[in-house]
C-alpha atoms as a PDB file:
ATOM      1  CA  UNK A   1       5.850 -59.682 -31.417  1.00  0.00           C
ATOM      2  CA  UNK A   2       7.633 -63.147 -29.959  1.00  0.00           C
ATOM      3  CA  UNK A   3       6.668 -66.241 -32.074  1.00  0.00           C
ATOM      4  CA  UNK A   4       5.956 -67.890 -29.418  1.00  0.00           C
ATOM      5  CA  UNK A   5       4.435 -67.871 -26.144  1.00  0.00           C
ATOM      6  CA  UNK A   6       7.566 -69.378 -23.983  1.00  0.00           C
ATOM      7  CA  UNK A   7       9.690 -67.066 -25.631  1.00  0.00           C
ATOM      8  CA  UNK A   8       7.744 -63.922 -24.142  1.00  0.00           C
ATOM      9  CA  UNK A   9       7.768 -65.578 -20.351  1.00  0.00           C
ATOM     10  CA  UNK A  10      11.899 -66.370 -21.207  1.00  0.00           C
ATOM     11  CA  UNK A  11      12.045 -62.749 -21.832  1.00  0.00           C
ATOM     12  CA  UNK A  12      10.512 -61.455 -18.854  1.00  0.00           C
ATOM     13  CA  UNK A  13      12.296 -63.727 -16.845  1.00  0.00           C
ATOM     14  CA  UNK A  14      16.143 -62.138 -18.323  1.00  0.00           C
ATOM     15  CA  UNK A  15      14.951 -58.812 -17.843  1.00  0.00           C
ATOM     16  CA  UNK A  16      14.176 -59.350 -14.283  1.00  0.00           C
ATOM     17  CA  UNK A  17      17.290 -60.995 -13.591  1.00  0.00           C
ATOM     18  CA  UNK A  18      18.974 -58.183 -15.230  1.00  0.00           C
ATOM     19  CA  UNK A  19      16.921 -55.045 -13.789  1.00  0.00           C
ATOM     20  CA  UNK A  20      18.027 -56.942 -10.790  1.00  0.00           C
ATOM     21  CA  UNK A  21      21.430 -57.180 -10.776  1.00  0.00           C
ATOM     22  CA  UNK A  22      21.721 -53.462 -12.252  1.00  0.00           C
ATOM     23  CA  UNK A  23      19.817 -52.511  -8.946  1.00  0.00           C
ATOM     24  CA  UNK A  24      22.725 -54.467  -6.488  1.00  0.00           C
ATOM     25  CA  UNK A  25      25.376 -52.314  -8.323  1.00  0.00           C
ATOM     26  CA  UNK A  26      24.356 -48.938  -7.620  1.00  0.00           C
ATOM     27  CA  UNK A  27      22.666 -49.534  -4.634  1.00  0.00           C
ATOM     28  CA  UNK A  28      25.557 -49.471  -2.010  1.00  0.00           C
ATOM     29  CA  UNK A  29      29.149 -49.675  -1.438  1.00  0.00           C
ATOM     30  CA  UNK A  30      30.868 -52.613  -3.033  1.00  0.00           C
ATOM     31  CA  UNK A  31      30.997 -55.081  -0.365  1.00  0.00           C
ATOM     32  CA  UNK A  32      34.822 -57.654  -0.679  1.00  0.00           C
ATOM     33  CA  UNK A  33      32.491 -60.502  -1.615  1.00  0.00           C
ATOM     34  CA  UNK A  34      30.749 -58.835  -4.579  1.00  0.00           C
ATOM     35  CA  UNK A  35      33.627 -57.501  -6.029  1.00  0.00           C
ATOM     36  CA  UNK A  36      34.943 -61.034  -5.894  1.00  0.00           C
ATOM     37  CA  UNK A  37      31.904 -62.401  -7.328  1.00  0.00           C
ATOM     38  CA  UNK A  38      31.939 -60.383 -10.508  1.00  0.00           C
ATOM     39  CA  UNK A  39      35.206 -61.465 -11.234  1.00  0.00           C
ATOM     40  CA  UNK A  40      34.328 -65.214 -10.835  1.00  0.00           C
ATOM     41  CA  UNK A  41      34.539 -66.962 -14.228  1.00  0.00           C
ATOM     42  CA  UNK A  42      30.394 -67.433 -13.897  1.00  0.00           C
ATOM     43  CA  UNK A  43      29.393 -64.151 -13.219  1.00  0.00           C
ATOM     44  CA  UNK A  44      31.789 -62.495 -15.333  1.00  0.00           C
ATOM     45  CA  UNK A  45      30.941 -64.333 -18.517  1.00  0.00           C
ATOM     46  CA  UNK A  46      27.246 -63.348 -17.823  1.00  0.00           C
ATOM     47  CA  UNK A  47      28.631 -59.652 -17.662  1.00  0.00           C
ATOM     48  CA  UNK A  48      30.250 -60.304 -21.173  1.00  0.00           C
ATOM     49  CA  UNK A  49      27.646 -61.985 -22.443  1.00  0.00           C
ATOM     50  CA  UNK A  50      25.251 -58.935 -21.819  1.00  0.00           C
ATOM     51  CA  UNK A  51      27.986 -56.424 -22.987  1.00  0.00           C
ATOM     52  CA  UNK A  52      27.945 -57.772 -26.680  1.00  0.00           C
ATOM     53  CA  UNK A  53      24.148 -57.524 -26.434  1.00  0.00           C
ATOM     54  CA  UNK A  54      24.377 -53.884 -26.899  1.00  0.00           C
ATOM     55  CA  UNK A  55      27.520 -54.169 -28.900  1.00  0.00           C
ATOM     56  CA  UNK A  56      29.916 -53.661 -26.626  1.00  0.00           C
ATOM     57  CA  UNK A  57      33.312 -55.163 -26.879  1.00  0.00           C
ATOM     58  CA  UNK A  58      34.509 -54.830 -23.335  1.00  0.00           C
ATOM     59  CA  UNK A  59      34.309 -56.979 -20.405  1.00  0.00           C
ATOM     60  CA  UNK A  60      32.795 -54.674 -17.431  1.00  0.00           C
ATOM     61  CA  UNK A  61      34.473 -57.480 -15.170  1.00  0.00           C
ATOM     62  CA  UNK A  62      37.579 -56.239 -16.463  1.00  0.00           C
ATOM     63  CA  UNK A  63      37.120 -53.188 -15.552  1.00  0.00           C
ATOM     64  CA  UNK A  64      37.238 -54.241 -11.771  1.00  0.00           C
ATOM     65  CA  UNK A  65      41.094 -53.427 -11.014  1.00  0.00           C
ATOM     66  CA  UNK A  66      41.443 -52.340  -7.291  1.00  0.00           C
ATOM     67  CA  UNK A  67      39.280 -52.986  -4.555  1.00  0.00           C
ATOM     68  CA  UNK A  68      40.229 -50.365  -2.592  1.00  0.00           C
ATOM     69  CA  UNK A  69      40.116 -47.932  -5.883  1.00  0.00           C
ATOM     70  CA  UNK A  70      36.074 -49.011  -6.478  1.00  0.00           C
ATOM     71  CA  UNK A  71      35.332 -48.625  -3.183  1.00  0.00           C
ATOM     72  CA  UNK A  72      37.081 -45.474  -2.961  1.00  0.00           C
ATOM     73  CA  UNK A  73      35.318 -43.972  -6.533  1.00  0.00           C
ATOM     74  CA  UNK A  74      31.769 -45.479  -4.825  1.00  0.00           C
ATOM     75  CA  UNK A  75      32.233 -43.218  -1.866  1.00  0.00           C
ATOM     76  CA  UNK A  76      33.851 -39.888  -4.265  1.00  0.00           C
ATOM     77  CA  UNK A  77      30.661 -39.984  -6.633  1.00  0.00           C
ATOM     78  CA  UNK A  78      27.303 -41.364  -5.003  1.00  0.00           C
ATOM     79  CA  UNK A  79      27.695 -40.566  -1.212  1.00  0.00           C
ATOM     80  CA  UNK A  80      30.191 -37.756  -0.212  1.00  0.00           C
ATOM     81  CA  UNK A  81      28.125 -34.573  -1.744  1.00  0.00           C
ATOM     82  CA  UNK A  82      30.859 -32.716  -2.565  1.00  0.00           C
ATOM     83  CA  UNK A  83      33.679 -33.067  -5.221  1.00  0.00           C
ATOM     84  CA  UNK A  84      33.221 -35.392  -7.918  1.00  0.00           C
ATOM     85  CA  UNK A  85      29.463 -36.281  -6.059  1.00  0.00           C
ATOM     86  CA  UNK A  86      26.558 -37.707  -9.054  1.00  0.00           C
ATOM     87  CA  UNK A  87      23.369 -38.214  -6.855  1.00  0.00           C
ATOM     88  CA  UNK A  88      21.973 -41.266  -8.597  1.00  0.00           C
ATOM     89  CA  UNK A  89      18.138 -40.153  -7.553  1.00  0.00           C
ATOM     90  CA  UNK A  90      15.686 -38.653 -10.349  1.00  0.00           C
ATOM     91  CA  UNK A  91      14.978 -35.638  -8.368  1.00  0.00           C
ATOM     92  CA  UNK A  92      18.797 -34.807  -9.194  1.00  0.00           C
ATOM     93  CA  UNK A  93      17.608 -34.156 -12.556  1.00  0.00           C
ATOM     94  CA  UNK A  94      13.892 -32.761 -13.065  1.00  0.00           C
ATOM     95  CA  UNK A  95      12.148 -29.772 -13.005  1.00  0.00           C
ATOM     96  CA  UNK A  96       9.658 -30.107 -10.282  1.00  0.00           C
ATOM     97  CA  UNK A  97       6.686 -27.635 -10.413  1.00  0.00           C
ATOM     98  CA  UNK A  98       5.691 -25.741  -7.410  1.00  0.00           C
ATOM     99  CA  UNK A  99       2.409 -27.771  -7.159  1.00  0.00           C
ATOM    100  CA  UNK A 100       4.076 -30.849  -7.603  1.00  0.00           C
ATOM    101  CA  UNK A 101       4.902 -33.840  -5.825  1.00  0.00           C
ATOM    102  CA  UNK A 102       8.674 -34.514  -5.298  1.00  0.00           C
ATOM    103  CA  UNK A 103       9.781 -37.668  -7.124  1.00  0.00           C
ATOM    104  CA  UNK A 104      10.669 -39.811  -4.074  1.00  0.00           C
ATOM    105  CA  UNK A 105       6.667 -39.240  -3.366  1.00  0.00           C
ATOM    106  CA  UNK A 106       5.563 -39.997  -6.643  1.00  0.00           C
ATOM    107  CA  UNK A 107       7.613 -43.311  -6.719  1.00  0.00           C
ATOM    108  CA  UNK A 108       5.510 -44.578  -3.068  1.00  0.00           C
ATOM    109  CA  UNK A 109       3.021 -43.886  -4.556  1.00  0.00           C
ATOM    110  CA  UNK A 110       3.434 -45.968  -7.352  1.00  0.00           C
ATOM    111  CA  UNK A 111       4.876 -48.662  -5.199  1.00  0.00           C
ATOM    112  CA  UNK A 112       2.195 -48.902  -2.632  1.00  0.00           C
ATOM    113  CA  UNK A 113      -0.068 -49.179  -5.714  1.00  0.00           C
ATOM    114  CA  UNK A 114       1.259 -52.425  -7.336  1.00  0.00           C
ATOM    115  CA  UNK A 115       1.917 -54.229  -4.195  1.00  0.00           C
ATOM    116  CA  UNK A 116       5.662 -53.351  -4.405  1.00  0.00           C
ATOM    117  CA  UNK A 117       7.366 -53.161  -0.854  1.00  0.00           C
ATOM    118  CA  UNK A 118      10.087 -50.438  -0.544  1.00  0.00           C
ATOM    119  CA  UNK A 119      12.408 -51.083   2.448  1.00  0.00           C
ATOM    120  CA  UNK A 120      12.423 -47.954   4.653  1.00  0.00           C
ATOM    121  CA  UNK A 121      15.829 -49.043   5.614  1.00  0.00           C
ATOM    122  CA  UNK A 122      17.239 -49.411   2.942  1.00  0.00           C
ATOM    123  CA  UNK A 123      20.359 -46.489   2.281  1.00  0.00           C
ATOM    124  CA  UNK A 124      18.442 -44.892  -0.630  1.00  0.00           C
ATOM    125  CA  UNK A 125      15.968 -42.951  -1.781  1.00  0.00           C
ATOM    126  CA  UNK A 126      12.266 -43.893  -3.325  1.00  0.00           C
ATOM    127  CA  UNK A 127      13.794 -42.154  -6.607  1.00  0.00           C
ATOM    128  CA  UNK A 128      17.161 -43.776  -6.544  1.00  0.00           C
ATOM    129  CA  UNK A 129      17.949 -45.795  -9.475  1.00  0.00           C
ATOM    130  CA  UNK A 130      18.347 -48.732  -7.811  1.00  0.00           C
ATOM    131  CA  UNK A 131      14.756 -48.390  -6.290  1.00  0.00           C
ATOM    132  CA  UNK A 132      13.663 -47.753  -9.343  1.00  0.00           C
ATOM    133  CA  UNK A 133      15.832 -50.616 -10.966  1.00  0.00           C
ATOM    134  CA  UNK A 134      14.458 -53.246  -8.442  1.00  0.00           C
ATOM    135  CA  UNK A 135      10.880 -52.101  -8.944  1.00  0.00           C
ATOM    136  CA  UNK A 136      11.223 -52.753 -12.558  1.00  0.00           C
ATOM    137  CA  UNK A 137      12.609 -56.132 -11.411  1.00  0.00           C
ATOM    138  CA  UNK A 138       9.692 -56.664  -9.386  1.00  0.00           C
ATOM    139  CA  UNK A 139       7.149 -56.158 -12.693  1.00  0.00           C
ATOM    140  CA  UNK A 140       9.139 -58.871 -15.026  1.00  0.00           C
ATOM    141  CA  UNK A 141       8.808 -61.291 -12.522  1.00  0.00           C
ATOM    142  CA  UNK A 142       5.193 -60.181 -11.883  1.00  0.00           C
ATOM    143  CA  UNK A 143       4.940 -59.907 -15.966  1.00  0.00           C
ATOM    144  CA  UNK A 144       6.587 -64.150 -16.016  1.00  0.00           C
ATOM    145  CA  UNK A 145       4.170 -64.818 -13.340  1.00  0.00           C
ATOM    146  CA  UNK A 146       1.128 -63.751 -15.057  1.00  0.00           C
ATOM    147  CA  UNK A 147       2.247 -65.109 -18.508  1.00  0.00           C
ATOM    148  CA  UNK A 148       2.567 -68.641 -17.038  1.00  0.00           C
ATOM    149  CA  UNK A 149      -0.472 -68.305 -15.317  1.00  0.00           C
ATOM    150  CA  UNK A 150      -2.199 -67.254 -18.598  1.00  0.00           C
ATOM    151  CA  UNK A 151      -3.402 -64.145 -17.503  1.00  0.00           C
ATOM    152  CA  UNK A 152      -2.628 -62.276 -20.309  1.00  0.00           C
ATOM    153  CA  UNK A 153      -4.915 -59.296 -18.647  1.00  0.00           C
ATOM    154  CA  UNK A 154      -2.612 -59.402 -15.336  1.00  0.00           C
ATOM    155  CA  UNK A 155       0.353 -59.355 -18.246  1.00  0.00           C
ATOM    156  CA  UNK A 156      -1.057 -56.385 -19.959  1.00  0.00           C
ATOM    157  CA  UNK A 157      -1.251 -53.955 -16.868  1.00  0.00           C
ATOM    158  CA  UNK A 158       2.109 -54.903 -15.934  1.00  0.00           C
ATOM    159  CA  UNK A 159       3.620 -53.996 -19.199  1.00  0.00           C
ATOM    160  CA  UNK A 160       2.010 -51.179 -19.151  1.00  0.00           C
ATOM    161  CA  UNK A 161       2.913 -50.169 -15.613  1.00  0.00           C
ATOM    162  CA  UNK A 162       6.514 -50.607 -16.655  1.00  0.00           C
ATOM    163  CA  UNK A 163       6.244 -49.095 -20.014  1.00  0.00           C
ATOM    164  CA  UNK A 164       4.840 -45.429 -18.080  1.00  0.00           C
ATOM    165  CA  UNK A 165       7.576 -46.406 -15.896  1.00  0.00           C
ATOM    166  CA  UNK A 166      10.063 -45.626 -18.432  1.00  0.00           C
ATOM    167  CA  UNK A 167       8.910 -43.481 -20.101  1.00  0.00           C
ATOM    168  CA  UNK A 168       7.708 -41.022 -17.519  1.00  0.00           C
ATOM    169  CA  UNK A 169      10.588 -41.503 -15.666  1.00  0.00           C
ATOM    170  CA  UNK A 170      13.922 -43.162 -16.312  1.00  0.00           C
ATOM    171  CA  UNK A 171      14.353 -42.876 -20.084  1.00  0.00           C
ATOM    172  CA  UNK A 172      14.310 -38.693 -18.674  1.00  0.00           C
ATOM    173  CA  UNK A 173      16.706 -38.454 -16.450  1.00  0.00           C
ATOM    174  CA  UNK A 174      18.936 -41.406 -16.701  1.00  0.00           C
ATOM    175  CA  UNK A 175      20.508 -40.210 -19.948  1.00  0.00           C
ATOM    176  CA  UNK A 176      21.059 -37.194 -17.602  1.00  0.00           C
ATOM    177  CA  UNK A 177      22.947 -39.130 -14.634  1.00  0.00           C
ATOM    178  CA  UNK A 178      24.992 -41.283 -17.463  1.00  0.00           C
ATOM    179  CA  UNK A 179      26.585 -37.717 -18.632  1.00  0.00           C
ATOM    180  CA  UNK A 180      26.873 -36.815 -15.029  1.00  0.00           C
ATOM    181  CA  UNK A 181      29.452 -39.773 -14.523  1.00  0.00           C
ATOM    182  CA  UNK A 182      31.385 -39.302 -17.770  1.00  0.00           C
ATOM    183  CA  UNK A 183      31.403 -35.291 -17.072  1.00  0.00           C
ATOM    184  CA  UNK A 184      33.913 -36.533 -13.196  1.00  0.00           C
ATOM    185  CA  UNK A 185      35.604 -39.238 -14.912  1.00  0.00           C
ATOM    186  CA  UNK A 186      33.814 -41.824 -12.478  1.00  0.00           C
ATOM    187  CA  UNK A 187      35.714 -44.769 -12.221  1.00  0.00           C
ATOM    188  CA  UNK A 188      35.271 -47.073 -16.003  1.00  0.00           C
ATOM    189  CA  UNK A 189      33.084 -49.568 -14.250  1.00  0.00           C
ATOM    190  CA  UNK A 190      30.224 -48.204 -12.964  1.00  0.00           C
ATOM    191  CA  UNK A 191      30.609 -45.398 -16.096  1.00  0.00           C
ATOM    192  CA  UNK A 192      29.914 -48.676 -18.612  1.00  0.00           C
ATOM    193  CA  UNK A 193      27.040 -49.934 -16.103  1.00  0.00           C
ATOM    194  CA  UNK A 194      25.588 -47.087 -15.916  1.00  0.00           C
ATOM    195  CA  UNK A 195      25.531 -47.319 -19.867  1.00  0.00           C
ATOM    196  CA  UNK A 196      24.051 -50.402 -19.730  1.00  0.00           C
ATOM    197  CA  UNK A 197      21.543 -49.974 -17.464  1.00  0.00           C
ATOM    198  CA  UNK A 198      20.167 -47.362 -20.251  1.00  0.00           C
ATOM    199  CA  UNK A 199      21.313 -50.197 -23.255  1.00  0.00           C
ATOM    200  CA  UNK A 200      18.913 -51.861 -20.977  1.00  0.00           C
ATOM    201  CA  UNK A 201      15.844 -49.635 -20.414  1.00  0.00           C
ATOM    202  CA  UNK A 202      15.885 -49.030 -23.983  1.00  0.00           C
ATOM    203  CA  UNK A 203      15.955 -53.011 -25.094  1.00  0.00           C
ATOM    204  CA  UNK A 204      12.708 -53.275 -22.796  1.00  0.00           C
ATOM    205  CA  UNK A 205      11.065 -50.284 -23.843  1.00  0.00           C
ATOM    206  CA  UNK A 206      10.897 -52.075 -27.416  1.00  0.00           C
ATOM    207  CA  UNK A 207      10.641 -55.570 -26.238  1.00  0.00           C
ATOM    208  CA  UNK A 208       7.070 -54.088 -24.201  1.00  0.00           C
ATOM    209  CA  UNK A 209       5.901 -51.886 -26.946  1.00  0.00           C
ATOM    210  CA  UNK A 210       5.688 -55.216 -28.921  1.00  0.00           C
ATOM    211  CA  UNK A 211       4.405 -57.086 -26.709  1.00  0.00           C
ATOM    212  CA  UNK A 212       1.398 -54.792 -25.812  1.00  0.00           C
ATOM    213  CA  UNK A 213       0.847 -53.674 -29.506  1.00  0.00           C
ATOM    214  CA  UNK A 214       1.256 -57.829 -30.437  1.00  0.00           C
ATOM    215  CA  UNK A 215      -1.023 -58.932 -27.701  1.00  0.00           C
ATOM    216  CA  UNK A 216       1.399 -61.521 -26.794  1.00  0.00           C
ATOM    217  CA  UNK A 217      -0.396 -64.184 -25.231  1.00  0.00           C
ATOM    218  CA  UNK A 218       0.732 -66.516 -22.377  1.00  0.00           C
ATOM    219  CA  UNK A 219       1.940 -70.274 -21.885  1.00  0.00           C
ATOM    220  CA  UNK A 220      -0.732 -72.948 -22.847  1.00  0.00           C
END
């Protein structure tokens, strides 16, 4: 449990920022300006610190060897349904009972219930990794806002929603996604970022459980 309410608020804010960044990695093919930003000193340092947080020595930014190589690998891994294709959607890794709705439908229902606007024009499905990470970023921002507004009830509800998504969705299929990326020898950058995504999700689960069980209060 956090000793100070301010620490809980800062952790929620940091979690949201990390979720949103990780979401951008898998959402769409890398653009040249995005590639160059990742190699900038500021973001490169942030990536290195993120890796160090989970005991990883290599900075993911150091794996960005060539833009065309990265863009080609993204297409082969995530866009072209043949060869080395690795789907980044939950529906590809879980069994769906005959009487159950597919994950994409269930996720849309969850988004709607939580006031999260899923852009129908986005190139990814509702159960895509980037969509689920973006939603978790939305929840982290809502948690931060609730803590700042001294709304402990709202903060608890948001935390429980995020924990449910992690426990009943991401913890089940993300490890399989990572294994699939490794099996096809995906670009080291994407493999590393997928592993960091798994690390962040597990750390977030620990934070959420501690906050829920400890009843961390808002800023006063």
